[in-house]
Amino acid sequence: MTTFPPYCTWIEEIEGDFAGTKFVHTQRPEGAKTRIDVFGEAHCTGRSPEQTRTLFLEILAKAHEEDLATLRKIRERK
């Protein structure tokens, strides 16, 4: 993982079930919300391209929900 704050994060999986997966994750302000874009390709051993896409989107959604929960906790402490 390589980060280029505040612009984007580059992630390349080099081993494991997702070896060969490469993507860029960007976040940018869009009014009162943050726009998140993900560009790249995902690979998963033993899964079809559609299964890989579904699994990858589920992983990204879970990470997003976890990030939101953490940000809400930080906001509540203020």
C-alpha atoms as a PDB file:
ATOM      1  CA  MET A   1       0.000   0.000   0.000  1.00  0.00           C
ATOM      2  CA  THR A   2       1.273   3.424  -0.945  1.00  0.00           C
ATOM      3  CA  THR A   3      -0.520   6.567   0.158  1.00  0.00           C
ATOM      4  CA  PHE A   4      -0.438   9.976  -1.476  1.00  0.00           C
ATOM      5  CA  PRO A   5      -2.301  12.064   1.113  1.00  0.00           C
ATOM      6  CA  PRO A   6      -4.763  13.591   0.756  1.00  0.00           C
ATOM      7  CA  TYR A   7      -5.290  12.412  -2.819  1.00  0.00           C
ATOM      8  CA  CYS A   8      -5.309   8.640  -3.018  1.00  0.00           C
ATOM      9  CA  THR A   9      -4.082   5.253  -1.919  1.00  0.00           C
ATOM     10  CA  TRP A  10      -2.510   2.713  -4.299  1.00  0.00           C
ATOM     11  CA  ILE A  11      -2.928  -0.910  -3.254  1.00  0.00           C
ATOM     12  CA  GLU A  12      -1.330  -3.948  -4.885  1.00  0.00           C
ATOM     13  CA  GLU A  13      -1.784  -7.420  -3.451  1.00  0.00           C
ATOM     14  CA  ILE A  14       1.346  -9.496  -4.055  1.00  0.00           C
ATOM     15  CA  GLU A  15       0.424 -12.729  -2.289  1.00  0.00           C
ATOM     16  CA  GLY A  16      -2.563 -14.654  -1.013  1.00  0.00           C
ATOM     17  CA  ASP A  17      -5.961 -15.215  -2.615  1.00  0.00           C
ATOM     18  CA  PHE A  18      -6.019 -11.690  -4.056  1.00  0.00           C
ATOM     19  CA  ALA A  19      -2.517 -11.758  -5.571  1.00  0.00           C
ATOM     20  CA  GLY A  20      -2.441  -9.608  -8.699  1.00  0.00           C
ATOM     21  CA  THR A  21      -5.174  -7.255  -7.500  1.00  0.00           C
ATOM     22  CA  LYS A  22      -4.258  -3.610  -8.093  1.00  0.00           C
ATOM     23  CA  PHE A  23      -6.393  -0.568  -7.429  1.00  0.00           C
ATOM     24  CA  VAL A  24      -6.391   3.125  -6.604  1.00  0.00           C
ATOM     25  CA  HIS A  25      -8.724   4.451  -3.913  1.00  0.00           C
ATOM     26  CA  THR A  26      -9.475   8.193  -4.033  1.00  0.00           C
ATOM     27  CA  GLN A  27     -11.472  10.396  -1.690  1.00  0.00           C
ATOM     28  CA  ARG A  28     -12.488  13.982  -2.396  1.00  0.00           C
ATOM     29  CA  PRO A  29     -14.945  16.472  -0.974  1.00  0.00           C
ATOM     30  CA  GLU A  30     -18.261  16.803  -2.772  1.00  0.00           C
ATOM     31  CA  GLY A  31     -20.365  19.330  -0.901  1.00  0.00           C
ATOM     32  CA  ALA A  32     -21.128  18.089   2.616  1.00  0.00           C
ATOM     33  CA  LYS A  33     -20.148  14.524   1.664  1.00  0.00           C
ATOM     34  CA  THR A  34     -17.023  12.730   0.496  1.00  0.00           C
ATOM     35  CA  ARG A  35     -16.888  11.062  -2.898  1.00  0.00           C
ATOM     36  CA  ILE A  36     -14.986   7.766  -2.995  1.00  0.00           C
ATOM     37  CA  ASP A  37     -13.811   6.271  -6.292  1.00  0.00           C
ATOM     38  CA  VAL A  38     -12.015   2.961  -6.785  1.00  0.00           C
ATOM     39  CA  PHE A  39     -10.229   2.143 -10.047  1.00  0.00           C
ATOM     40  CA  GLY A  40      -8.383  -1.052 -10.847  1.00  0.00           C
ATOM     41  CA  GLU A  41      -8.712  -4.770 -11.260  1.00  0.00           C
ATOM     42  CA  ALA A  42      -9.361  -7.541  -8.772  1.00  0.00           C
ATOM     43  CA  HIS A  43      -8.307 -11.173  -8.960  1.00  0.00           C
ATOM     44  CA  CYS A  44      -9.233 -13.959  -6.560  1.00  0.00           C
ATOM     45  CA  THR A  45      -7.977 -17.523  -6.696  1.00  0.00           C
ATOM     46  CA  GLY A  46     -10.709 -20.059  -7.403  1.00  0.00           C
ATOM     47  CA  ARG A  47     -13.462 -17.531  -8.183  1.00  0.00           C
ATOM     48  CA  SER A  48     -15.054 -16.390 -11.415  1.00  0.00           C
ATOM     49  CA  PRO A  49     -14.692 -12.738 -12.421  1.00  0.00           C
ATOM     50  CA  GLU A  50     -18.279 -12.015 -11.288  1.00  0.00           C
ATOM     51  CA  GLN A  51     -17.755 -13.768  -7.927  1.00  0.00           C
ATOM     52  CA  THR A  52     -14.509 -11.834  -7.482  1.00  0.00           C
ATOM     53  CA  ARG A  53     -16.246  -8.541  -8.277  1.00  0.00           C
ATOM     54  CA  THR A  54     -19.044  -9.257  -5.780  1.00  0.00           C
ATOM     55  CA  LEU A  55     -16.600 -10.286  -3.049  1.00  0.00           C
ATOM     56  CA  PHE A  56     -14.344  -7.288  -3.676  1.00  0.00           C
ATOM     57  CA  LEU A  57     -17.280  -4.852  -3.498  1.00  0.00           C
ATOM     58  CA  GLU A  58     -18.409  -6.480  -0.239  1.00  0.00           C
ATOM     59  CA  ILE A  59     -14.918  -6.034   1.227  1.00  0.00           C
ATOM     60  CA  LEU A  60     -14.834  -2.376   0.176  1.00  0.00           C
ATOM     61  CA  ALA A  61     -18.314  -1.782   1.632  1.00  0.00           C
ATOM     62  CA  LYS A  62     -17.315  -3.364   4.946  1.00  0.00           C
ATOM     63  CA  ALA A  63     -14.154  -1.233   5.126  1.00  0.00           C
ATOM     64  CA  HIS A  64     -16.251   1.863   4.426  1.00  0.00           C
ATOM     65  CA  GLU A  65     -18.720   1.027   7.213  1.00  0.00           C
ATOM     66  CA  GLU A  66     -15.850   0.421   9.645  1.00  0.00           C
ATOM     67  CA  ASP A  67     -14.294   3.770   8.688  1.00  0.00           C
ATOM     68  CA  LEU A  68     -17.620   5.545   9.239  1.00  0.00           C
ATOM     69  CA  ALA A  69     -18.045   3.958  12.666  1.00  0.00           C
ATOM     70  CA  THR A  70     -14.551   5.091  13.685  1.00  0.00           C
ATOM     71  CA  LEU A  71     -15.121   8.634  12.411  1.00  0.00           C
ATOM     72  CA  ARG A  72     -18.412   8.840  14.325  1.00  0.00           C
ATOM     73  CA  LYS A  73     -16.675   7.778  17.547  1.00  0.00           C
ATOM     74  CA  ILE A  74     -14.006  10.430  17.023  1.00  0.00           C
ATOM     75  CA  ARG A  75     -16.665  13.078  16.394  1.00  0.00           C
ATOM     76  CA  GLU A  76     -18.549  12.090  19.582  1.00  0.00           C
ATOM     77  CA  ARG A  77     -15.401  12.605  21.699  1.00  0.00           C
ATOM     78  CA  LYS A  78     -15.161  16.284  20.759  1.00  0.00           C
END
